[in-house]
N, C-alpha and C. Protein backbone atom coordinates (compact mmCIF):
# COMPACT_ATOMS: atom_id res chain seq x y z
N MET A 1 0.80 -1.12 -0.12
CA MET A 1 0.12 -0.16 0.01
C MET A 1 1.04 1.14 0.30
N SER A 2 0.38 2.07 -0.95
CA SER A 2 1.47 3.30 -0.80
C SER A 2 0.64 4.66 -0.50
N THR A 3 1.24 5.40 -0.11
CA THR A 3 0.61 6.58 0.53
C THR A 3 0.72 7.58 -0.46
N PRO A 4 -0.13 8.37 -0.53
CA PRO A 4 -0.11 9.76 -1.73
C PRO A 4 1.09 10.56 -1.38
N PRO A 5 1.02 11.08 -2.43
CA PRO A 5 2.26 12.32 -2.64
C PRO A 5 1.85 13.55 -1.81
N GLU A 6 2.66 13.69 -0.37
CA GLU A 6 2.16 15.11 0.28
C GLU A 6 2.10 16.57 -0.77
N VAL A 7 1.48 17.17 -0.62
CA VAL A 7 1.23 18.39 -0.90
C VAL A 7 1.82 19.47 -0.28
N PRO A 8 2.83 20.42 -0.66
CA PRO A 8 3.02 21.19 0.42
C PRO A 8 2.11 22.57 0.50
N THR A 9 1.92 22.83 1.52
CA THR A 9 0.89 23.91 1.75
C THR A 9 1.62 25.31 2.33
N ARG A 10 2.74 25.76 1.81
CA ARG A 10 3.33 26.81 1.95
C ARG A 10 5.01 26.82 0.99
N GLY A 11 4.99 27.64 0.17
CA GLY A 11 6.17 27.83 -0.66
C GLY A 11 7.40 28.19 -0.03
N PRO A 12 8.48 28.28 -0.36
CA PRO A 12 9.60 28.52 0.22
C PRO A 12 9.54 30.38 1.15
N ALA A 13 10.03 30.16 1.98
CA ALA A 13 10.07 31.57 2.84
C ALA A 13 11.26 32.54 2.23
N ARG A 14 10.83 33.80 2.55
CA ARG A 14 11.79 34.77 2.35
C ARG A 14 12.40 35.63 3.83
N PRO A 15 13.52 35.45 4.03
CA PRO A 15 14.19 35.78 5.38
C PRO A 15 13.75 37.25 5.86
N GLY A 16 13.62 37.92 4.89
CA GLY A 16 13.71 39.49 5.20
C GLY A 16 12.51 39.77 6.22
N PRO A 17 11.13 39.51 5.83
CA PRO A 17 10.01 39.72 6.71
C PRO A 17 10.29 39.36 8.48
N TYR A 18 11.17 37.94 8.33
CA TYR A 18 11.43 37.50 9.63
C TYR A 18 12.18 38.16 10.45
N VAL A 19 13.33 38.49 9.84
CA VAL A 19 14.58 39.36 10.45
C VAL A 19 14.21 40.42 10.63
N VAL A 20 13.07 41.13 9.89
CA VAL A 20 12.60 42.65 10.42
C VAL A 20 11.89 42.57 11.86
N SER A 21 11.39 41.33 11.85
CA SER A 21 10.10 41.44 12.98
C SER A 21 10.99 40.99 14.07
N GLY A 22 12.23 39.95 14.05
CA GLY A 22 12.71 39.91 15.17
C GLY A 22 13.61 41.00 15.68
N ILE A 23 14.16 41.91 14.99
CA ILE A 23 14.99 43.07 14.98
C ILE A 23 13.94 44.12 16.01
N LEU A 24 12.57 44.26 15.52
CA LEU A 24 11.48 45.25 15.92
C LEU A 24 11.45 44.40 17.41
N ILE A 25 11.25 43.33 17.10
CA ILE A 25 10.77 42.58 18.94
C ILE A 25 11.96 42.64 19.73
N LEU A 26 13.21 42.46 19.02
CA LEU A 26 14.32 42.77 19.93
C LEU A 26 14.36 44.35 20.67
N ILE A 27 14.14 45.15 19.76
CA ILE A 27 14.30 46.58 20.50
C ILE A 27 12.97 46.95 21.22
N GLY A 28 12.04 46.38 21.10
CA GLY A 28 10.82 46.59 21.96
C GLY A 28 11.10 45.79 23.45
N ILE A 29 12.01 44.73 23.44
CA ILE A 29 12.45 43.86 24.80
C ILE A 29 13.79 44.49 25.42
N ALA A 30 14.67 44.77 24.46
CA ALA A 30 16.04 45.55 24.97
C ALA A 30 16.38 46.82 25.57
N LEU A 31 15.50 47.87 24.84
CA LEU A 31 15.26 49.35 25.04
C LEU A 31 15.29 49.48 26.43
N PRO A 32 13.70 48.92 26.66
CA PRO A 32 13.34 49.24 27.95
C PRO A 32 14.43 48.52 29.23
N LEU A 33 15.22 47.64 28.92
CA LEU A 33 15.75 46.98 30.01
C LEU A 33 17.01 47.71 30.42
N ILE A 34 17.34 48.63 29.43
CA ILE A 34 18.79 49.79 29.79
C ILE A 34 18.13 51.00 30.58
N VAL A 35 18.41 50.48 31.84
CA VAL A 35 17.53 51.33 33.02
C VAL A 35 18.28 52.66 33.31
N PRO A 36 19.79 52.76 32.82
CA PRO A 36 20.06 53.82 33.25
C PRO A 36 19.81 55.36 31.82
N ILE A 37 19.26 54.50 30.65
CA ILE A 37 18.61 55.23 29.94
C ILE A 37 17.55 56.47 30.50
N TYR A 38 16.70 55.92 31.56
CA TYR A 38 15.64 56.51 32.19
C TYR A 38 15.37 56.61 33.81
N ALA A 39 16.60 56.41 34.29
CA ALA A 39 16.72 56.61 35.66
C ALA A 39 16.83 57.80 36.40
N ARG A 40 15.80 58.55 35.87
CA ARG A 40 15.95 60.11 36.33
C ARG A 40 14.44 60.68 36.33
N GLU A 41 14.14 61.93 37.26
CA GLU A 41 12.76 62.52 37.56
C GLU A 41 12.46 63.38 36.39
N THR A 42 13.25 63.95 35.93
CA THR A 42 13.27 64.99 35.00
C THR A 42 13.27 64.42 33.46
N PRO A 43 12.53 65.00 32.40
CA PRO A 43 11.29 66.01 32.87
C PRO A 43 10.11 65.16 33.21
N ALA A 44 9.33 65.73 34.15
CA ALA A 44 7.93 65.49 34.12
C ALA A 44 7.07 65.52 33.22
N LEU A 45 5.90 64.86 33.19
CA LEU A 45 5.03 64.80 32.21
C LEU A 45 3.54 64.90 33.32
N PHE A 46 2.91 65.43 33.48
CA PHE A 46 1.68 65.68 34.07
C PHE A 46 1.77 65.35 35.64
N GLY A 47 2.83 65.83 36.26
CA GLY A 47 3.47 65.32 37.29
C GLY A 47 3.88 63.67 37.67
N LEU A 48 3.97 62.99 36.39
CA LEU A 48 4.91 62.00 36.62
C LEU A 48 6.36 62.21 36.39
N PRO A 49 7.29 61.73 37.41
CA PRO A 49 8.19 61.56 36.69
C PRO A 49 8.68 60.72 35.54
N PHE A 50 10.10 60.96 35.10
CA PHE A 50 10.34 60.84 33.95
C PHE A 50 10.25 59.13 33.64
N PHE A 51 10.90 58.37 34.79
CA PHE A 51 11.00 57.11 35.13
C PHE A 51 9.79 56.41 34.91
N TYR A 52 8.58 56.98 35.26
CA TYR A 52 7.38 56.10 35.04
C TYR A 52 6.70 56.59 33.71
N TRP A 53 6.42 57.64 33.36
CA TRP A 53 5.90 57.71 31.75
C TRP A 53 6.63 57.32 30.42
N TYR A 54 7.95 56.76 30.94
CA TYR A 54 8.66 56.58 29.89
C TYR A 54 8.86 55.33 29.44
N GLN A 55 8.50 54.34 30.89
CA GLN A 55 8.18 52.78 30.67
C GLN A 55 6.64 52.86 30.39
N MET A 56 5.96 53.52 30.46
CA MET A 56 4.31 53.80 29.70
C MET A 56 4.02 53.80 28.58
N LEU A 57 5.00 54.75 28.23
CA LEU A 57 5.14 55.35 26.56
C LEU A 57 5.90 53.93 26.07
N TRP A 58 6.56 53.15 26.77
CA TRP A 58 7.30 51.95 25.91
C TRP A 58 6.03 51.13 25.89
N VAL A 59 4.98 51.11 26.19
CA VAL A 59 3.94 49.93 26.22
C VAL A 59 3.12 50.17 25.23
N LEU A 60 3.02 51.52 24.74
CA LEU A 60 2.17 51.92 23.36
C LEU A 60 3.10 51.71 22.03
N ILE A 61 4.82 51.76 22.41
CA ILE A 61 5.65 51.69 21.49
C ILE A 61 5.43 50.64 20.91
N ASP A 62 5.39 49.37 22.06
CA ASP A 62 5.96 47.85 21.87
C ASP A 62 4.11 47.40 21.21
N ALA A 63 3.18 48.01 21.34
CA ALA A 63 2.28 47.31 20.72
C ALA A 63 2.09 47.59 19.22
N GLY A 64 2.61 49.20 19.41
CA GLY A 64 2.79 49.41 17.69
C GLY A 64 3.92 48.36 16.72
N LEU A 65 5.05 47.90 17.69
CA LEU A 65 5.81 47.41 16.97
C LEU A 65 5.36 46.03 16.56
N LEU A 66 4.57 45.38 17.51
CA LEU A 66 3.99 44.04 17.60
C LEU A 66 3.14 44.18 16.52
N TRP A 67 2.04 45.00 16.25
CA TRP A 67 1.58 45.27 15.11
C TRP A 67 1.71 45.28 13.76
N ILE A 68 3.27 45.97 13.74
CA ILE A 68 3.91 45.73 12.32
C ILE A 68 4.58 44.67 12.31
N CYS A 69 4.71 43.70 13.10
CA CYS A 69 5.59 42.30 13.28
C CYS A 69 4.30 41.51 12.57
N TYR A 70 3.18 41.61 13.04
CA TYR A 70 2.26 40.77 12.57
C TYR A 70 1.96 40.95 11.23
N ALA A 71 1.85 42.25 10.94
CA ALA A 71 1.41 42.48 9.52
C ALA A 71 2.34 41.96 8.75
N LEU A 72 3.42 42.23 8.96
CA LEU A 72 4.82 41.64 7.98
C LEU A 72 4.49 40.21 7.79
N ILE A 73 4.47 39.45 9.11
CA ILE A 73 4.45 37.89 8.99
C ILE A 73 3.11 37.56 8.08
N THR A 74 2.03 38.24 8.68
CA THR A 74 0.76 37.77 8.01
C THR A 74 0.99 37.87 6.49
N ARG A 75 1.47 38.64 6.01
CA ARG A 75 1.64 39.16 4.54
C ARG A 75 2.68 38.17 3.69
N GLU A 76 3.73 37.82 4.68
CA GLU A 76 4.84 36.70 4.25
C GLU A 76 3.87 35.33 4.08
N ASP A 77 3.27 35.03 5.19
CA ASP A 77 2.54 33.69 5.28
C ASP A 77 1.25 33.60 3.98
N ARG A 78 0.91 34.64 3.67
CA ARG A 78 -0.17 34.80 2.57
C ARG A 78 0.57 34.27 1.36
N ARG A 79 1.54 35.06 0.93
CA ARG A 79 2.37 34.64 -0.20
C ARG A 79 2.96 33.78 -0.36
N ARG A 80 3.22 32.76 0.96
CA ARG A 80 3.68 31.43 0.91
C ARG A 80 2.63 30.55 0.55
N ARG A 81 1.59 30.85 0.89
CA ARG A 81 0.04 30.30 0.68
C ARG A 81 -0.19 30.11 -1.07
N ASP A 82 -0.13 31.41 -1.20
CA ASP A 82 -0.53 31.46 -2.41
C ASP A 82 0.62 31.00 -3.75
N ALA A 83 1.52 31.09 -3.11
CA ALA A 83 2.65 30.23 -3.99
C ALA A 83 2.55 28.85 -4.57
N VAL A 84 1.91 28.16 -3.59
CA VAL A 84 1.25 26.70 -3.99
C VAL A 84 0.17 26.17 -3.98
N ARG A 85 -0.96 27.38 -4.18
CA ARG A 85 -2.08 27.22 -4.55
C ARG A 85 -2.11 26.41 -5.78
N ILE A 86 -3.63 25.28 -5.73
CA ILE A 86 -3.49 24.52 -6.50
C ILE A 86 -3.97 25.23 -7.94
N ASP A 87 -3.45 25.05 -9.30
CA ASP A 87 -4.40 25.71 -10.20
C ASP A 87 -4.90 24.69 -11.07
N PRO A 88 -6.17 24.78 -11.40
CA PRO A 88 -6.34 23.48 -12.10
C PRO A 88 -6.16 23.45 -13.40
N THR A 89 -5.53 24.58 -13.92
CA THR A 89 -5.02 24.94 -15.56
C THR A 89 -3.67 24.13 -15.40
N ASN A 90 -2.72 24.02 -14.50
CA ASN A 90 -1.71 23.75 -14.61
C ASN A 90 -1.89 21.91 -14.35
N PRO A 91 -1.18 21.24 -15.32
CA PRO A 91 -0.98 19.79 -15.50
C PRO A 91 -0.41 19.31 -14.32
N ALA A 92 0.70 19.90 -14.06
CA ALA A 92 1.62 19.65 -13.08
C ALA A 92 0.69 19.21 -11.68
N HIS A 93 -0.30 20.13 -11.46
CA HIS A 93 -1.23 20.12 -10.33
C HIS A 93 -2.13 18.89 -10.30
N ALA A 94 -2.49 18.60 -11.44
CA ALA A 94 -3.40 17.26 -11.27
C ALA A 94 -3.14 16.05 -10.84
N ARG A 95 -1.54 15.90 -10.43
CA ARG A 95 -1.09 14.65 -10.03
C ARG A 95 -1.41 14.44 -8.64
N HIS A 96 -1.50 15.73 -7.86
CA HIS A 96 -1.74 15.99 -6.47
C HIS A 96 -3.38 15.52 -6.07
N GLY A 97 -4.13 15.42 -6.97
CA GLY A 97 -5.24 14.72 -6.61
C GLY A 97 -6.66 15.75 -6.97
N LYS A 98 -7.44 16.28 -5.62
CA LYS A 98 -8.37 16.79 -6.43
C LYS A 98 -7.68 18.35 -6.48
N THR A 99 -8.61 19.02 -7.31
CA THR A 99 -8.46 20.49 -7.46
C THR A 99 -9.24 21.39 -6.40
N GLU A 100 -9.19 22.22 -6.17
CA GLU A 100 -9.58 23.74 -5.34
C GLU A 100 -11.16 23.40 -5.82
N ARG A 101 -11.78 22.89 -6.65
CA ARG A 101 -13.38 23.05 -6.91
C ARG A 101 -13.50 21.82 -6.88
N GLU A 102 -12.92 20.57 -6.53
CA GLU A 102 -13.28 19.25 -6.32
C GLU A 102 -13.68 19.23 -4.71
N LYS A 103 -12.84 19.82 -3.94
CA LYS A 103 -12.67 19.52 -2.33
C LYS A 103 -14.01 19.99 -1.60
């Protein structure tokens, strides 16, 4: 008994979006950990010392960075899925079984 050939679900990955996402996440983690950058009281914002509002600002910055990473990875994943989509007009895809319309 033979097993049917496996059909890939994604095409080859490009490293660019993953590298950029990793760098953005690294920035969001590493910079708030460098305490000497913000270990002071001035300038105050609405009565809050710099030490506190700088950390709260990083919460918003990190949310933005993670949104950018999500958009990059989602776009790359969509591109990879589209690269292997079954094309019923292509005879090479016929050997893998059913076409999209038959599923």
